[in-house]
Amino acid sequence: MDPIAEVRAFNRFYTEVIGVLGPGMHDSPYSLTEARVLYELGQAPGPLETGEIRRALGLDAGYLSRLLTRLETDGLVTRERAGHDARRQVVSLTGAGRRTYTDLDEKSAAQVAGLLDGADQARLLGSMAAIREILGGGPKSGAVVIRPPRPGDLGWVVQRHAAIYAREQGWGPDFEALVARICADFLDERDDPGQAGWIAEIDGRPAGCVFCVRKDDETAQLRLLLVEPWARGRGVGARLVEECLRFAADAGYTRIRLWTRDVLTAARRIYRKAGFEVTGTERGEDFTDEIWERDIPRFTDGN
């Protein structure tokens, strides 16, 4: 695969989808760049200096001047000297300009709504966020969001467990089959109020997961804790374990347990910090299986 050819092919596809190659945006006489100028002015709380518009859109000063001349001739904008500095020029929308901006903005929103109708929005928006992140576009909050699983998330759980642990630990199909069985059991018991699962997201991108399932009437079991390599060191694992403990307390369990292996040092640190202790071991060929347990804490508001 030629990465340059693939990116160029995507660019051609996307520009065709959003219709920027036509003579005007949304059947208007205005180009994409002219529409972007109107958008910047329409979104601003007041007049904008020409320098602000040029920096926001990355335009050459001469090119912007020609665009503004056309928009001014059409009665959409006015230009005047800045009150605080006569050397600078500020631009405002006229009444006609604001109506044109509103019309273009509404048509653009309707076009996007049409594209999203029937689409896999979670996948689409996640992919768009990934492109922005990789190419450095736009500020990101970096906030960790913990949410319940959505349709399709458990497929991601199986795939990421298999891929990450194959790469990091060399675990093969047997481990992937185990994770798939755990996920299948979770879905089979989806109406059980004593179980729940959570997906961690950062800027719309899945970053980790954990599940709390019923071991017996008194004991919950924490399963499938995973944090993506790119999200480690940001407290994701600790947040997921805390969510699991809170749920177990609310569900009335008195104890919680988990299974792990001694080679998973990062996970073991999280468990130990959360109050778990090793209560049983079984030596394998290249590792030791461990059972960790703890009593259930009683969470109160503010804790």
Protein backbone atom coordinates (compact mmCIF):
# COMPACT_ATOMS: atom_id res chain seq x y z
CA MET A 1 0.00 0.00 0.00
CA ASP A 2 1.33 3.42 -1.00
CA PRO A 3 0.45 5.75 1.93
CA ILE A 4 0.74 8.90 -0.20
CA ALA A 5 -1.62 7.50 -2.83
CA GLU A 6 -4.05 6.38 -0.11
CA VAL A 7 -4.17 9.85 1.49
CA ARG A 8 -4.66 11.51 -1.90
CA ALA A 9 -7.43 9.04 -2.74
CA PHE A 10 -9.17 9.84 0.55
CA ASN A 11 -8.88 13.58 -0.14
CA ARG A 12 -10.49 13.12 -3.56
CA PHE A 13 -13.25 10.99 -2.07
CA TYR A 14 -14.04 13.42 0.75
CA THR A 15 -14.02 16.57 -1.40
CA GLU A 16 -16.47 14.83 -3.72
CA VAL A 17 -18.70 13.80 -0.81
CA ILE A 18 -18.97 17.31 0.61
CA GLY A 19 -19.24 18.92 -2.82
CA VAL A 20 -16.43 21.47 -2.59
CA LEU A 21 -15.46 21.03 -6.26
CA GLY A 22 -18.66 22.57 -7.60
CA PRO A 23 -18.93 26.19 -8.77
CA GLY A 24 -20.40 27.32 -5.45
CA MET A 25 -21.12 26.05 -1.96
CA HIS A 26 -24.65 24.70 -1.53
CA ASP A 27 -25.91 26.15 -4.82
CA SER A 28 -24.67 29.62 -3.88
CA PRO A 29 -22.40 31.83 -5.99
CA TYR A 30 -19.70 31.65 -3.29
CA SER A 31 -16.66 29.38 -3.19
CA LEU A 32 -15.60 27.31 -0.20
CA THR A 33 -13.07 29.95 0.85
CA GLU A 34 -15.59 32.78 0.55
CA ALA A 35 -18.07 30.74 2.57
CA ARG A 36 -15.37 30.17 5.22
CA VAL A 37 -14.81 33.92 5.46
CA LEU A 38 -18.55 34.44 5.99
CA TYR A 39 -18.51 31.67 8.61
CA GLU A 40 -15.66 33.26 10.57
CA LEU A 41 -17.49 36.59 10.55
CA GLY A 42 -20.82 34.96 11.44
CA GLN A 43 -19.31 33.13 14.42
CA ALA A 44 -17.44 36.15 15.78
CA PRO A 45 -19.03 38.22 18.58
CA GLY A 46 -18.14 41.42 16.72
CA PRO A 47 -16.12 42.80 13.80
CA LEU A 48 -12.88 40.98 12.95
CA GLU A 49 -9.61 42.50 11.90
CA THR A 50 -8.47 41.33 8.50
CA GLY A 51 -5.34 39.93 10.16
CA GLU A 52 -7.50 37.70 12.38
CA ILE A 53 -9.34 36.30 9.37
CA ARG A 54 -6.09 35.75 7.50
CA ARG A 55 -4.52 33.85 10.41
CA ALA A 56 -7.65 31.77 11.07
CA LEU A 57 -7.86 30.60 7.45
CA GLY A 58 -4.17 30.68 6.50
CA LEU A 59 -4.78 33.07 3.60
CA ASP A 60 -2.41 35.34 1.79
CA ALA A 61 -3.13 39.03 2.50
CA GLY A 62 -3.61 39.89 -1.18
CA TYR A 63 -5.93 36.94 -1.78
CA LEU A 64 -8.06 37.82 1.26
CA SER A 65 -8.29 41.42 0.08
CA ARG A 66 -9.67 40.26 -3.29
CA LEU A 67 -12.21 37.99 -1.57
CA LEU A 68 -13.39 40.79 0.70
CA THR A 69 -13.71 43.14 -2.28
CA ARG A 70 -16.06 40.69 -3.99
CA LEU A 71 -18.12 40.13 -0.82
CA GLU A 72 -18.27 43.90 -0.26
CA THR A 73 -19.40 44.45 -3.87
CA ASP A 74 -22.19 41.93 -3.29
CA GLY A 75 -23.28 43.85 -0.18
CA LEU A 76 -22.37 41.09 2.30
CA VAL A 77 -19.58 42.78 4.27
CA THR A 78 -18.34 46.23 5.15
CA ARG A 79 -14.77 47.30 5.82
CA GLU A 80 -13.61 50.24 7.88
CA ARG A 81 -10.60 51.47 9.79
CA ALA A 82 -10.20 50.13 13.32
CA GLY A 83 -11.02 52.72 15.94
CA HIS A 84 -7.98 51.89 18.05
CA ASP A 85 -5.53 51.84 15.12
CA ALA A 86 -6.21 53.55 11.80
CA ARG A 87 -3.61 51.32 10.13
CA ARG A 88 -5.81 48.28 10.70
CA GLN A 89 -9.02 47.30 8.99
CA VAL A 90 -12.03 45.57 10.53
CA VAL A 91 -14.70 43.61 8.68
CA SER A 92 -18.37 43.12 9.59
CA LEU A 93 -21.31 41.30 8.07
CA THR A 94 -24.16 43.39 6.72
CA GLY A 95 -27.76 42.31 7.18
CA ALA A 96 -27.63 40.62 3.78
CA GLY A 97 -24.32 39.03 4.73
CA ARG A 98 -25.75 37.58 7.93
CA ARG A 99 -28.73 36.14 6.04
CA THR A 100 -26.35 34.56 3.50
CA TYR A 101 -24.18 33.16 6.31
CA THR A 102 -27.24 31.71 8.08
CA ASP A 103 -28.50 30.12 4.86
CA LEU A 104 -25.11 28.53 4.07
CA ASP A 105 -24.70 27.35 7.67
CA GLU A 106 -28.14 25.70 7.74
CA LYS A 107 -27.57 24.00 4.39
CA SER A 108 -24.17 22.74 5.56
CA ALA A 109 -25.70 21.33 8.76
CA ALA A 110 -28.46 19.64 6.74
CA GLN A 111 -25.88 18.10 4.39
CA VAL A 112 -23.90 16.67 7.32
CA ALA A 113 -27.09 15.36 8.93
CA GLY A 114 -27.82 13.56 5.67
CA LEU A 115 -24.34 12.02 5.64
CA LEU A 116 -24.78 10.80 9.22
CA ASP A 117 -28.22 9.32 8.62
CA GLY A 118 -27.83 5.54 8.77
CA ALA A 119 -24.05 5.73 9.23
CA ASP A 120 -22.07 4.01 11.99
CA GLN A 121 -21.67 7.31 13.82
CA ALA A 122 -19.50 6.02 16.67
CA ARG A 123 -17.01 4.54 14.24
CA LEU A 124 -17.14 7.54 11.91
CA LEU A 125 -16.68 10.16 14.62
CA GLY A 126 -13.97 8.11 16.31
CA SER A 127 -12.09 7.82 13.02
CA MET A 128 -12.41 11.56 12.40
CA ALA A 129 -11.10 12.27 15.89
CA ALA A 130 -8.17 9.95 15.21
CA ILE A 131 -7.32 11.80 11.99
CA ARG A 132 -7.41 15.16 13.79
CA GLU A 133 -5.25 13.81 16.60
CA ILE A 134 -2.68 12.20 14.32
CA LEU A 135 -2.39 15.24 12.04
CA GLY A 136 -2.36 17.65 14.97
CA GLY A 137 -5.59 19.46 14.18
CA GLY A 138 -7.49 21.19 16.95
CA PRO A 139 -7.12 21.20 20.72
CA LYS A 140 -8.08 18.04 22.63
CA SER A 141 -9.39 17.93 26.16
CA GLY A 142 -7.67 14.69 27.12
CA ALA A 143 -10.49 14.03 29.62
CA VAL A 144 -11.24 10.42 30.51
CA VAL A 145 -14.92 9.52 30.04
CA ILE A 146 -16.28 6.29 31.57
CA ARG A 147 -19.46 4.98 29.93
CA PRO A 148 -21.44 1.72 29.61
CA PRO A 149 -20.73 -0.52 26.60
CA ARG A 150 -22.58 0.20 23.38
CA PRO A 151 -23.46 -2.26 20.60
CA GLY A 152 -20.20 -3.38 19.01
CA ASP A 153 -18.00 -2.49 21.98
CA LEU A 154 -17.57 -6.09 23.11
CA GLY A 155 -16.15 -6.95 19.70
CA TRP A 156 -13.59 -4.21 20.32
CA VAL A 157 -12.87 -5.68 23.77
CA VAL A 158 -12.07 -9.10 22.28
CA GLN A 159 -10.01 -7.69 19.42
CA ARG A 160 -7.92 -5.35 21.57
CA HIS A 161 -7.25 -7.98 24.26
CA ALA A 162 -6.10 -10.43 21.59
CA ALA A 163 -3.92 -7.92 19.73
CA ILE A 164 -2.32 -6.24 22.75
CA TYR A 165 -1.56 -9.41 24.72
CA ALA A 166 -0.28 -11.23 21.64
CA ARG A 167 2.17 -8.40 21.07
CA GLU A 168 3.16 -7.78 24.69
CA GLN A 169 2.96 -11.28 26.22
CA GLY A 170 2.87 -13.68 23.29
CA TRP A 171 -0.55 -15.07 24.28
CA GLY A 172 -2.37 -16.73 21.41
CA PRO A 173 -5.78 -18.09 20.36
CA ASP A 174 -6.53 -19.75 23.70
CA PHE A 175 -6.47 -16.36 25.44
CA GLU A 176 -8.56 -14.75 22.71
CA ALA A 177 -11.11 -17.56 23.05
CA LEU A 178 -11.23 -17.01 26.82
CA VAL A 179 -11.95 -13.30 26.38
CA ALA A 180 -14.62 -14.07 23.77
CA ARG A 181 -16.31 -16.53 26.18
CA ILE A 182 -16.30 -13.96 28.98
CA CYS A 183 -17.89 -11.39 26.65
CA ALA A 184 -20.46 -13.92 25.42
CA ASP A 185 -21.38 -14.82 29.02
CA PHE A 186 -21.74 -11.12 29.82
CA LEU A 187 -24.18 -10.68 26.93
CA ASP A 188 -26.08 -13.83 27.83
CA GLU A 189 -26.58 -12.46 31.36
CA ARG A 190 -27.23 -8.88 30.25
CA ASP A 191 -30.44 -8.67 32.33
CA ASP A 192 -28.62 -9.55 35.56
CA PRO A 193 -28.61 -6.42 37.78
CA GLY A 194 -25.50 -7.80 39.47
CA GLN A 195 -23.22 -7.23 36.49
CA ALA A 196 -22.07 -4.21 34.51
CA GLY A 197 -19.30 -3.11 32.19
CA TRP A 198 -17.54 0.13 31.31
CA ILE A 199 -15.60 1.56 28.40
CA ALA A 200 -13.11 4.37 28.99
CA GLU A 201 -12.80 6.99 26.25
CA ILE A 202 -10.35 9.81 25.69
CA ASP A 203 -11.43 12.38 23.09
CA GLY A 204 -13.97 9.90 21.71
CA ARG A 205 -11.41 7.10 21.30
CA PRO A 206 -11.77 3.83 23.27
CA ALA A 207 -8.97 3.75 25.83
CA GLY A 208 -9.82 0.85 28.12
CA CYS A 209 -12.46 -1.38 29.65
CA VAL A 210 -13.46 -3.40 32.72
CA PHE A 211 -16.37 -5.64 33.72
CA CYS A 212 -17.96 -6.60 37.02
CA VAL A 213 -19.81 -9.93 36.97
CA ARG A 214 -21.46 -12.19 39.53
CA LYS A 215 -19.31 -14.92 41.10
CA ASP A 216 -22.01 -15.82 43.61
CA ASP A 217 -24.61 -13.95 45.66
CA GLU A 218 -21.95 -12.43 47.96
CA THR A 219 -18.94 -12.15 45.66
CA ALA A 220 -18.39 -10.06 42.55
CA GLN A 221 -15.63 -10.69 40.03
CA LEU A 222 -13.64 -7.99 38.26
CA ARG A 223 -12.80 -9.09 34.71
CA LEU A 224 -11.09 -7.91 31.53
CA LEU A 225 -9.35 -4.79 32.80
CA LEU A 226 -7.52 -3.34 29.81
CA VAL A 227 -5.85 0.01 29.10
CA GLU A 228 -4.64 0.87 25.62
CA PRO A 229 -0.85 1.40 25.46
CA TRP A 230 -1.26 4.99 24.26
CA ALA A 231 -3.53 5.78 27.25
CA ARG A 232 -1.37 4.35 30.02
CA GLY A 233 -0.05 6.58 32.76
CA ARG A 234 -3.22 8.74 32.74
CA GLY A 235 -5.13 7.04 35.54
CA VAL A 236 -7.48 5.15 33.23
CA GLY A 237 -6.99 1.78 34.91
CA ALA A 238 -7.50 3.17 38.40
CA ARG A 239 -10.68 4.96 37.28
CA LEU A 240 -12.08 1.76 35.80
CA VAL A 241 -11.31 -0.29 38.92
CA GLU A 242 -12.90 2.40 41.10
CA GLU A 243 -16.03 2.29 38.93
CA CYS A 244 -16.17 -1.48 39.34
CA LEU A 245 -15.82 -1.23 43.13
CA ARG A 246 -18.57 1.38 43.36
CA PHE A 247 -20.92 -0.77 41.34
CA ALA A 248 -20.16 -3.86 43.45
CA ALA A 249 -20.93 -1.89 46.62
CA ASP A 250 -24.21 -0.56 45.21
CA ALA A 251 -25.17 -4.07 44.02
CA GLY A 252 -24.85 -5.42 47.56
CA TYR A 253 -21.77 -7.60 47.19
CA THR A 254 -19.60 -8.04 50.28
CA ARG A 255 -16.43 -9.20 48.51
CA ILE A 256 -14.79 -8.93 45.11
CA ARG A 257 -12.14 -11.06 43.45
CA LEU A 258 -10.13 -11.14 40.23
CA TRP A 259 -7.75 -13.38 38.32
CA THR A 260 -4.48 -12.11 36.88
CA ARG A 261 -0.92 -13.23 36.19
CA ASP A 262 2.30 -12.21 37.87
CA VAL A 263 3.76 -10.91 34.58
CA LEU A 264 1.09 -8.18 34.37
CA THR A 265 2.97 -5.82 36.65
CA ALA A 266 1.12 -2.62 35.77
CA ALA A 267 -2.30 -4.18 36.45
CA ARG A 268 -1.03 -5.69 39.71
CA ARG A 269 0.06 -2.23 40.90
CA ILE A 270 -3.46 -0.92 40.23
CA TYR A 271 -5.04 -3.82 42.12
CA ARG A 272 -2.73 -3.48 45.09
CA LYS A 273 -3.34 0.27 45.28
CA ALA A 274 -7.10 -0.42 45.21
CA GLY A 275 -6.80 -2.66 48.27
CA PHE A 276 -6.69 -6.11 46.68
CA GLU A 277 -4.44 -8.82 48.10
CA VAL A 278 -3.22 -12.11 46.66
CA THR A 279 -5.20 -15.01 48.18
CA GLY A 280 -4.17 -17.87 45.91
CA THR A 281 -1.60 -18.82 43.26
CA GLU A 282 -1.03 -21.57 40.73
CA ARG A 283 2.28 -21.96 38.95
CA GLY A 284 2.14 -22.20 35.16
CA GLU A 285 4.87 -22.84 32.63
CA ASP A 286 6.02 -19.26 32.16
CA PHE A 287 3.98 -17.37 34.75
CA THR A 288 1.97 -17.68 37.93
CA ASP A 289 -1.82 -17.38 37.94
CA GLU A 290 -3.01 -15.30 40.89
CA ILE A 291 -6.33 -14.77 42.65
CA TRP A 292 -6.68 -11.36 44.29
CA GLU A 293 -9.51 -10.42 46.67
CA ARG A 294 -10.74 -7.67 48.94
CA ASP A 295 -13.78 -6.73 50.97
CA ILE A 296 -16.20 -4.35 49.31
CA PRO A 297 -15.89 -0.74 50.46
CA ARG A 298 -19.04 1.20 51.19
CA PHE A 299 -18.90 4.33 49.08
CA THR A 300 -20.74 7.45 50.16
CA ASP A 301 -21.36 10.72 48.34
CA GLY A 302 -18.17 12.74 48.18
CA ASN A 303 -15.86 9.71 48.50
